[in-house]
C-alpha atoms as a PDB file:
ATOM      1  CA  UNK A   1       0.004  -0.001  -0.002  1.00  0.00           C
ATOM      2  CA  UNK A   2       1.175   3.525  -0.722  1.00  0.00           C
ATOM      3  CA  UNK A   3       0.649   5.873   2.184  1.00  0.00           C
ATOM      4  CA  UNK A   4       0.083   9.607   1.859  1.00  0.00           C
ATOM      5  CA  UNK A   5       0.499  11.435   5.146  1.00  0.00           C
ATOM      6  CA  UNK A   6      -1.547  14.595   5.588  1.00  0.00           C
ATOM      7  CA  UNK A   7      -0.461  16.635   8.626  1.00  0.00           C
ATOM      8  CA  UNK A   8      -3.041  18.581  10.602  1.00  0.00           C
ATOM      9  CA  UNK A   9      -1.963  21.111  13.227  1.00  0.00           C
ATOM     10  CA  UNK A  10      -5.239  21.000  15.111  1.00  0.00           C
ATOM     11  CA  UNK A  11      -8.445  19.096  14.452  1.00  0.00           C
ATOM     12  CA  UNK A  12     -11.448  17.946  16.444  1.00  0.00           C
ATOM     13  CA  UNK A  13     -11.304  14.302  15.387  1.00  0.00           C
ATOM     14  CA  UNK A  14      -9.146  12.770  12.669  1.00  0.00           C
ATOM     15  CA  UNK A  15     -11.824  10.124  12.104  1.00  0.00           C
ATOM     16  CA  UNK A  16     -14.501  12.747  11.509  1.00  0.00           C
ATOM     17  CA  UNK A  17     -12.135  14.700   9.269  1.00  0.00           C
ATOM     18  CA  UNK A  18     -11.406  11.563   7.257  1.00  0.00           C
ATOM     19  CA  UNK A  19     -15.089  10.604   7.166  1.00  0.00           C
ATOM     20  CA  UNK A  20     -16.083  13.964   5.688  1.00  0.00           C
ATOM     21  CA  UNK A  21     -13.414  13.621   2.995  1.00  0.00           C
ATOM     22  CA  UNK A  22     -14.544  10.089   2.168  1.00  0.00           C
ATOM     23  CA  UNK A  23     -18.143  11.236   1.987  1.00  0.00           C
ATOM     24  CA  UNK A  24     -17.108  13.817  -0.622  1.00  0.00           C
ATOM     25  CA  UNK A  25     -14.879  11.260  -2.374  1.00  0.00           C
ATOM     26  CA  UNK A  26     -11.800  13.346  -1.616  1.00  0.00           C
ATOM     27  CA  UNK A  27      -9.814  10.570   0.109  1.00  0.00           C
ATOM     28  CA  UNK A  28      -8.382   7.276  -1.055  1.00  0.00           C
ATOM     29  CA  UNK A  29      -6.942   4.088   0.415  1.00  0.00           C
ATOM     30  CA  UNK A  30      -3.625   4.771   2.089  1.00  0.00           C
ATOM     31  CA  UNK A  31      -4.421   8.347   3.078  1.00  0.00           C
ATOM     32  CA  UNK A  32      -3.260   9.084   6.624  1.00  0.00           C
ATOM     33  CA  UNK A  33      -4.507  12.089   8.580  1.00  0.00           C
ATOM     34  CA  UNK A  34      -2.092  12.849  11.397  1.00  0.00           C
ATOM     35  CA  UNK A  35      -3.003  15.405  14.040  1.00  0.00           C
ATOM     36  CA  UNK A  36      -0.532  17.270  16.223  1.00  0.00           C
ATOM     37  CA  UNK A  37      -3.484  18.214  18.432  1.00  0.00           C
ATOM     38  CA  UNK A  38      -6.817  16.387  18.485  1.00  0.00           C
ATOM     39  CA  UNK A  39      -9.280  18.016  20.866  1.00  0.00           C
ATOM     40  CA  UNK A  40     -12.316  15.782  20.267  1.00  0.00           C
ATOM     41  CA  UNK A  41     -10.605  12.423  19.911  1.00  0.00           C
ATOM     42  CA  UNK A  42     -13.027   9.536  20.083  1.00  0.00           C
ATOM     43  CA  UNK A  43     -13.127   5.935  21.180  1.00  0.00           C
ATOM     44  CA  UNK A  44     -15.963   3.454  20.927  1.00  0.00           C
ATOM     45  CA  UNK A  45     -19.408   4.665  22.038  1.00  0.00           C
ATOM     46  CA  UNK A  46     -18.389   8.335  22.331  1.00  0.00           C
ATOM     47  CA  UNK A  47     -15.534   7.707  24.768  1.00  0.00           C
ATOM     48  CA  UNK A  48     -12.959  10.511  24.715  1.00  0.00           C
ATOM     49  CA  UNK A  49      -9.295  10.063  23.827  1.00  0.00           C
ATOM     50  CA  UNK A  50      -7.208  12.612  25.724  1.00  0.00           C
ATOM     51  CA  UNK A  51      -3.734  13.320  24.373  1.00  0.00           C
ATOM     52  CA  UNK A  52      -1.053  15.890  25.131  1.00  0.00           C
ATOM     53  CA  UNK A  53      -0.249  18.045  22.103  1.00  0.00           C
ATOM     54  CA  UNK A  54       2.741  16.854  20.107  1.00  0.00           C
ATOM     55  CA  UNK A  55       3.580  13.935  22.389  1.00  0.00           C
ATOM     56  CA  UNK A  56       1.653  11.016  20.930  1.00  0.00           C
ATOM     57  CA  UNK A  57       0.412   9.458  17.713  1.00  0.00           C
ATOM     58  CA  UNK A  58      -3.166  10.384  16.859  1.00  0.00           C
ATOM     59  CA  UNK A  59      -4.160   9.634  13.296  1.00  0.00           C
ATOM     60  CA  UNK A  60      -6.677   8.013  10.981  1.00  0.00           C
ATOM     61  CA  UNK A  61      -5.979   5.719   8.049  1.00  0.00           C
ATOM     62  CA  UNK A  62      -8.272   5.025   5.105  1.00  0.00           C
ATOM     63  CA  UNK A  63      -8.663   1.421   3.925  1.00  0.00           C
ATOM     64  CA  UNK A  64     -10.921  -0.028   1.241  1.00  0.00           C
ATOM     65  CA  UNK A  65     -11.099  -3.696   2.307  1.00  0.00           C
ATOM     66  CA  UNK A  66     -13.551  -4.899  -0.326  1.00  0.00           C
ATOM     67  CA  UNK A  67     -12.150  -8.424  -0.025  1.00  0.00           C
ATOM     68  CA  UNK A  68     -13.717  -8.692   3.475  1.00  0.00           C
ATOM     69  CA  UNK A  69     -17.369  -9.548   3.912  1.00  0.00           C
ATOM     70  CA  UNK A  70     -19.161  -6.852   5.975  1.00  0.00           C
ATOM     71  CA  UNK A  71     -20.469  -9.573   8.308  1.00  0.00           C
ATOM     72  CA  UNK A  72     -16.839 -10.313   9.258  1.00  0.00           C
ATOM     73  CA  UNK A  73     -15.785  -6.705   9.719  1.00  0.00           C
ATOM     74  CA  UNK A  74     -14.370  -7.385  13.193  1.00  0.00           C
ATOM     75  CA  UNK A  75     -11.300  -8.891  11.502  1.00  0.00           C
ATOM     76  CA  UNK A  76     -10.229  -5.306  10.722  1.00  0.00           C
ATOM     77  CA  UNK A  77     -10.058  -4.485  14.429  1.00  0.00           C
ATOM     78  CA  UNK A  78      -8.169  -7.738  14.956  1.00  0.00           C
ATOM     79  CA  UNK A  79      -5.371  -7.272  12.433  1.00  0.00           C
ATOM     80  CA  UNK A  80      -4.975  -3.557  13.209  1.00  0.00           C
ATOM     81  CA  UNK A  81      -4.678  -4.316  16.943  1.00  0.00           C
ATOM     82  CA  UNK A  82      -2.169  -7.088  16.241  1.00  0.00           C
ATOM     83  CA  UNK A  83      -0.112  -4.710  14.076  1.00  0.00           C
ATOM     84  CA  UNK A  84       0.169  -2.297  17.016  1.00  0.00           C
ATOM     85  CA  UNK A  85       1.150  -5.158  19.320  1.00  0.00           C
ATOM     86  CA  UNK A  86       3.812  -6.166  16.776  1.00  0.00           C
ATOM     87  CA  UNK A  87       5.271  -2.666  16.846  1.00  0.00           C
ATOM     88  CA  UNK A  88       5.326  -2.318  20.640  1.00  0.00           C
ATOM     89  CA  UNK A  89       6.895  -5.739  21.044  1.00  0.00           C
ATOM     90  CA  UNK A  90       9.714  -4.581  18.770  1.00  0.00           C
ATOM     91  CA  UNK A  91      10.321  -1.611  21.058  1.00  0.00           C
ATOM     92  CA  UNK A  92       9.694  -3.048  24.501  1.00  0.00           C
ATOM     93  CA  UNK A  93      10.925  -6.392  25.754  1.00  0.00           C
ATOM     94  CA  UNK A  94      10.045  -8.277  28.924  1.00  0.00           C
ATOM     95  CA  UNK A  95       6.632  -6.628  29.258  1.00  0.00           C
ATOM     96  CA  UNK A  96       3.242  -8.175  28.496  1.00  0.00           C
ATOM     97  CA  UNK A  97       1.666  -6.368  25.539  1.00  0.00           C
ATOM     98  CA  UNK A  98      -1.929  -7.422  24.932  1.00  0.00           C
ATOM     99  CA  UNK A  99      -5.291  -6.447  23.427  1.00  0.00           C
ATOM    100  CA  UNK A 100      -8.087  -5.696  25.860  1.00  0.00           C
ATOM    101  CA  UNK A 101     -11.259  -6.594  24.015  1.00  0.00           C
ATOM    102  CA  UNK A 102     -12.259  -5.207  21.717  1.00  0.00           C
ATOM    103  CA  UNK A 103      -9.872  -2.410  20.784  1.00  0.00           C
ATOM    104  CA  UNK A 104      -7.557  -1.286  23.588  1.00  0.00           C
ATOM    105  CA  UNK A 105      -3.829  -1.939  23.648  1.00  0.00           C
ATOM    106  CA  UNK A 106      -2.349  -2.719  27.054  1.00  0.00           C
ATOM    107  CA  UNK A 107       1.113  -2.983  28.547  1.00  0.00           C
ATOM    108  CA  UNK A 108       0.649  -5.184  31.594  1.00  0.00           C
ATOM    109  CA  UNK A 109      -2.515  -3.736  33.214  1.00  0.00           C
ATOM    110  CA  UNK A 110      -2.198  -0.232  31.761  1.00  0.00           C
ATOM    111  CA  UNK A 111      -3.703   1.239  28.596  1.00  0.00           C
ATOM    112  CA  UNK A 112      -1.205   2.549  26.057  1.00  0.00           C
ATOM    113  CA  UNK A 113      -3.389   2.841  22.966  1.00  0.00           C
ATOM    114  CA  UNK A 114      -6.714   2.309  21.299  1.00  0.00           C
ATOM    115  CA  UNK A 115      -8.324   1.690  17.928  1.00  0.00           C
ATOM    116  CA  UNK A 116     -11.587   3.025  16.520  1.00  0.00           C
ATOM    117  CA  UNK A 117     -12.784   1.412  13.295  1.00  0.00           C
ATOM    118  CA  UNK A 118     -15.653   3.104  11.455  1.00  0.00           C
ATOM    119  CA  UNK A 119     -16.935   1.367   8.349  1.00  0.00           C
ATOM    120  CA  UNK A 120     -19.067   2.575   5.467  1.00  0.00           C
ATOM    121  CA  UNK A 121     -20.908  -0.306   3.814  1.00  0.00           C
ATOM    122  CA  UNK A 122     -23.088  -0.101   0.723  1.00  0.00           C
ATOM    123  CA  UNK A 123     -25.169  -3.194   0.014  1.00  0.00           C
ATOM    124  CA  UNK A 124     -22.978  -6.135   0.802  1.00  0.00           C
ATOM    125  CA  UNK A 125     -19.613  -4.466   0.231  1.00  0.00           C
ATOM    126  CA  UNK A 126     -17.250  -2.034   1.932  1.00  0.00           C
ATOM    127  CA  UNK A 127     -16.950   1.442   0.530  1.00  0.00           C
ATOM    128  CA  UNK A 128     -14.234   2.368   3.018  1.00  0.00           C
ATOM    129  CA  UNK A 129     -12.959   1.759   6.510  1.00  0.00           C
ATOM    130  CA  UNK A 130     -11.582   4.571   8.660  1.00  0.00           C
ATOM    131  CA  UNK A 131      -9.042   3.346  11.188  1.00  0.00           C
ATOM    132  CA  UNK A 132      -8.507   5.762  14.060  1.00  0.00           C
ATOM    133  CA  UNK A 133      -5.461   5.052  16.219  1.00  0.00           C
ATOM    134  CA  UNK A 134      -4.283   6.731  19.388  1.00  0.00           C
ATOM    135  CA  UNK A 135      -0.956   5.611  20.841  1.00  0.00           C
ATOM    136  CA  UNK A 136       0.633   7.151  23.927  1.00  0.00           C
ATOM    137  CA  UNK A 137       4.295   7.609  23.108  1.00  0.00           C
ATOM    138  CA  UNK A 138       6.138  10.460  24.865  1.00  0.00           C
ATOM    139  CA  UNK A 139       3.488  11.686  27.308  1.00  0.00           C
ATOM    140  CA  UNK A 140       4.633  11.265  30.930  1.00  0.00           C
ATOM    141  CA  UNK A 141       1.661  12.643  32.865  1.00  0.00           C
ATOM    142  CA  UNK A 142      -2.050  12.122  32.350  1.00  0.00           C
ATOM    143  CA  UNK A 143      -5.285  13.728  33.587  1.00  0.00           C
ATOM    144  CA  UNK A 144      -6.513  12.167  36.857  1.00  0.00           C
ATOM    145  CA  UNK A 145      -9.828  11.136  35.285  1.00  0.00           C
ATOM    146  CA  UNK A 146      -8.060   8.549  33.165  1.00  0.00           C
ATOM    147  CA  UNK A 147      -8.139   5.321  35.202  1.00  0.00           C
ATOM    148  CA  UNK A 148      -5.041   3.412  34.066  1.00  0.00           C
ATOM    149  CA  UNK A 149      -2.981   5.146  31.344  1.00  0.00           C
ATOM    150  CA  UNK A 150       0.605   4.497  30.394  1.00  0.00           C
ATOM    151  CA  UNK A 151       2.999   5.553  27.662  1.00  0.00           C
ATOM    152  CA  UNK A 152       5.799   3.889  25.732  1.00  0.00           C
ATOM    153  CA  UNK A 153       8.334   6.310  27.193  1.00  0.00           C
ATOM    154  CA  UNK A 154       7.824   4.752  30.628  1.00  0.00           C
ATOM    155  CA  UNK A 155       9.362   1.546  29.301  1.00  0.00           C
ATOM    156  CA  UNK A 156      11.723   2.906  26.652  1.00  0.00           C
ATOM    157  CA  UNK A 157      13.295   5.560  28.914  1.00  0.00           C
ATOM    158  CA  UNK A 158      13.791   8.145  26.188  1.00  0.00           C
ATOM    159  CA  UNK A 159      11.609  10.077  23.782  1.00  0.00           C
ATOM    160  CA  UNK A 160      10.878   8.461  20.444  1.00  0.00           C
ATOM    161  CA  UNK A 161      10.772  10.276  17.127  1.00  0.00           C
ATOM    162  CA  UNK A 162       7.066  10.301  16.246  1.00  0.00           C
ATOM    163  CA  UNK A 163       7.590  10.369  12.470  1.00  0.00           C
ATOM    164  CA  UNK A 164       9.812   7.301  12.599  1.00  0.00           C
ATOM    165  CA  UNK A 165       7.347   5.487  14.855  1.00  0.00           C
ATOM    166  CA  UNK A 166       4.458   6.352  12.538  1.00  0.00           C
ATOM    167  CA  UNK A 167       6.336   4.943   9.547  1.00  0.00           C
ATOM    168  CA  UNK A 168       7.112   1.764  11.476  1.00  0.00           C
ATOM    169  CA  UNK A 169       3.479   1.391  12.539  1.00  0.00           C
ATOM    170  CA  UNK A 170       2.181   1.938   9.002  1.00  0.00           C
ATOM    171  CA  UNK A 171       4.613  -0.705   7.765  1.00  0.00           C
ATOM    172  CA  UNK A 172       3.339  -3.096  10.432  1.00  0.00           C
ATOM    173  CA  UNK A 173      -0.270  -2.419   9.447  1.00  0.00           C
ATOM    174  CA  UNK A 174       0.551  -2.873   5.763  1.00  0.00           C
ATOM    175  CA  UNK A 175       2.185  -6.241   6.443  1.00  0.00           C
ATOM    176  CA  UNK A 176      -0.858  -7.458   8.391  1.00  0.00           C
ATOM    177  CA  UNK A 177      -3.289  -6.078   5.799  1.00  0.00           C
ATOM    178  CA  UNK A 178      -1.491  -7.624   2.834  1.00  0.00           C
ATOM    179  CA  UNK A 179      -1.096 -10.954   4.623  1.00  0.00           C
ATOM    180  CA  UNK A 180      -4.803 -11.169   5.367  1.00  0.00           C
ATOM    181  CA  UNK A 181      -5.690 -10.049   1.853  1.00  0.00           C
ATOM    182  CA  UNK A 182      -3.593 -12.853   0.364  1.00  0.00           C
ATOM    183  CA  UNK A 183      -4.633 -15.653   2.718  1.00  0.00           C
ATOM    184  CA  UNK A 184      -7.962 -14.477   4.198  1.00  0.00           C
ATOM    185  CA  UNK A 185      -7.638 -16.990   7.016  1.00  0.00           C
ATOM    186  CA  UNK A 186     -10.059 -15.773   9.673  1.00  0.00           C
ATOM    187  CA  UNK A 187      -9.422 -18.791  11.913  1.00  0.00           C
ATOM    188  CA  UNK A 188      -5.657 -18.178  12.059  1.00  0.00           C
ATOM    189  CA  UNK A 189      -6.260 -14.472  12.689  1.00  0.00           C
ATOM    190  CA  UNK A 190      -8.706 -15.198  15.504  1.00  0.00           C
ATOM    191  CA  UNK A 191      -6.268 -17.644  17.117  1.00  0.00           C
ATOM    192  CA  UNK A 192      -3.513 -15.036  17.084  1.00  0.00           C
ATOM    193  CA  UNK A 193      -5.893 -12.415  18.441  1.00  0.00           C
ATOM    194  CA  UNK A 194      -6.863 -14.749  21.288  1.00  0.00           C
ATOM    195  CA  UNK A 195      -3.191 -15.497  21.970  1.00  0.00           C
ATOM    196  CA  UNK A 196      -2.714 -11.776  22.628  1.00  0.00           C
ATOM    197  CA  UNK A 197      -6.065 -11.152  24.318  1.00  0.00           C
ATOM    198  CA  UNK A 198      -5.874  -9.533  27.744  1.00  0.00           C
ATOM    199  CA  UNK A 199      -6.601 -12.077  30.501  1.00  0.00           C
ATOM    200  CA  UNK A 200      -7.829 -14.704  28.067  1.00  0.00           C
ATOM    201  CA  UNK A 201      -8.992 -17.870  29.829  1.00  0.00           C
ATOM    202  CA  UNK A 202      -8.174 -16.416  33.271  1.00  0.00           C
ATOM    203  CA  UNK A 203     -10.645 -16.113  36.140  1.00  0.00           C
ATOM    204  CA  UNK A 204     -11.431 -12.393  36.326  1.00  0.00           C
ATOM    205  CA  UNK A 205     -13.904 -10.034  37.940  1.00  0.00           C
ATOM    206  CA  UNK A 206     -16.396  -8.428  35.569  1.00  0.00           C
ATOM    207  CA  UNK A 207     -19.465  -6.227  35.771  1.00  0.00           C
ATOM    208  CA  UNK A 208     -22.435  -6.106  33.428  1.00  0.00           C
ATOM    209  CA  UNK A 209     -26.009  -4.813  33.561  1.00  0.00           C
ATOM    210  CA  UNK A 210     -26.856  -7.471  36.169  1.00  0.00           C
ATOM    211  CA  UNK A 211     -23.951  -6.666  38.492  1.00  0.00           C
ATOM    212  CA  UNK A 212     -20.517  -8.022  39.377  1.00  0.00           C
ATOM    213  CA  UNK A 213     -19.487 -11.593  38.713  1.00  0.00           C
ATOM    214  CA  UNK A 214     -16.466 -13.823  38.167  1.00  0.00           C
ATOM    215  CA  UNK A 215     -15.813 -15.566  34.905  1.00  0.00           C
ATOM    216  CA  UNK A 216     -13.281 -16.284  32.190  1.00  0.00           C
ATOM    217  CA  UNK A 217     -13.056 -15.229  28.567  1.00  0.00           C
ATOM    218  CA  UNK A 218     -13.342 -18.283  26.319  1.00  0.00           C
ATOM    219  CA  UNK A 219     -13.454 -16.801  22.839  1.00  0.00           C
ATOM    220  CA  UNK A 220     -14.807 -14.331  20.318  1.00  0.00           C
ATOM    221  CA  UNK A 221     -18.124 -14.780  18.517  1.00  0.00           C
ATOM    222  CA  UNK A 222     -18.693 -14.648  14.782  1.00  0.00           C
ATOM    223  CA  UNK A 223     -19.417 -10.923  14.879  1.00  0.00           C
ATOM    224  CA  UNK A 224     -16.708  -9.959  17.386  1.00  0.00           C
ATOM    225  CA  UNK A 225     -18.757 -10.405  20.550  1.00  0.00           C
ATOM    226  CA  UNK A 226     -16.942 -11.455  23.738  1.00  0.00           C
ATOM    227  CA  UNK A 227     -17.741 -14.914  25.091  1.00  0.00           C
ATOM    228  CA  UNK A 228     -17.463 -15.312  28.872  1.00  0.00           C
ATOM    229  CA  UNK A 229     -18.233 -18.365  30.989  1.00  0.00           C
ATOM    230  CA  UNK A 230     -19.410 -17.426  34.483  1.00  0.00           C
ATOM    231  CA  UNK A 231     -19.019 -19.263  37.802  1.00  0.00           C
ATOM    232  CA  UNK A 232     -22.111 -21.327  37.101  1.00  0.00           C
ATOM    233  CA  UNK A 233     -20.788 -22.564  33.756  1.00  0.00           C
ATOM    234  CA  UNK A 234     -23.169 -20.365  31.767  1.00  0.00           C
ATOM    235  CA  UNK A 235     -21.773 -18.820  28.588  1.00  0.00           C
ATOM    236  CA  UNK A 236     -22.581 -15.152  28.257  1.00  0.00           C
ATOM    237  CA  UNK A 237     -22.177 -13.131  25.069  1.00  0.00           C
ATOM    238  CA  UNK A 238     -21.408  -9.409  25.068  1.00  0.00           C
ATOM    239  CA  UNK A 239     -21.267  -6.663  22.484  1.00  0.00           C
ATOM    240  CA  UNK A 240     -19.282  -3.438  22.877  1.00  0.00           C
ATOM    241  CA  UNK A 241     -19.743  -1.679  26.231  1.00  0.00           C
ATOM    242  CA  UNK A 242     -22.001  -4.381  27.668  1.00  0.00           C
ATOM    243  CA  UNK A 243     -19.274  -5.687  30.005  1.00  0.00           C
ATOM    244  CA  UNK A 244     -16.331  -4.206  31.894  1.00  0.00           C
ATOM    245  CA  UNK A 245     -13.300  -5.633  33.621  1.00  0.00           C
ATOM    246  CA  UNK A 246     -12.908  -4.843  37.298  1.00  0.00           C
ATOM    247  CA  UNK A 247      -9.142  -4.329  37.370  1.00  0.00           C
END
C-alpha cells in the first residue's frame, strides 16, 4: 500500500475529518490524517481520547477492504490491533503487551493505545474503513480522570521520534493487511488475536447490567462479541460496552 500522510496542526477528530473527505470522495486508500493536536478524539461509544499536544500518535488511516465480507468486519479491528502489538513488542521487551477486548492496547494492566474502526458499507460491500489510532508515546503525565494510562516512554526511557514510529506502525499495518488479503484466514487471525487477548482464559472479575461476577473469557463470537463463561458454567455473550473488567 502507498501511504500519503496529511499533517493537521489542530483538528477535532481525525476520524470525523477523514469521514467527511470520504463522503465527498476526496480521500483514497492509504491516506493518513495525522493530528498534532486532536481536541475531540473519540473511542468506541463516544468515549474521549485525551492526548497531550505533540507527544503522541493520533491519526486516521483510510482502507478499502472490499475483499472482506461486511459480516466479518471485526477482523479489521483484529489485524490492526495485532499490528500495534507487533510494533510495541519490537520496542519493549520483557513486558506483556496485549489487546483488551475489543480495541484497547495494554502494557501489563495499563492502557497505552486504542483503535476506533468506522466502516461505510453499501449493500454487501465495503466502501471504506476509517481506522482511528491513538498511541501514547512520549506523554509522561495524564489527567486524573483517566483510570489506568501508560505511555511507551515509561518503558523505553527516552523520547521516540514520532515520524519514525508512525512509519514503522504503517509498515506493520501494511504487512498485516497484505497478509490477510492474500490468505484471508479468519481462523488463524482469531487464534492469534486470542493468543494476545488480555486475561484470556483467566478467572477475572467483571461487571455487566446485572452486576458483578467472576468468569473467564473463552473466545470471540462470529461478529466480534466477547464470550465469557461465568461461575455457574453459563456462557454469556457481550457486544461493545456491555461488560467491563474490574481491574
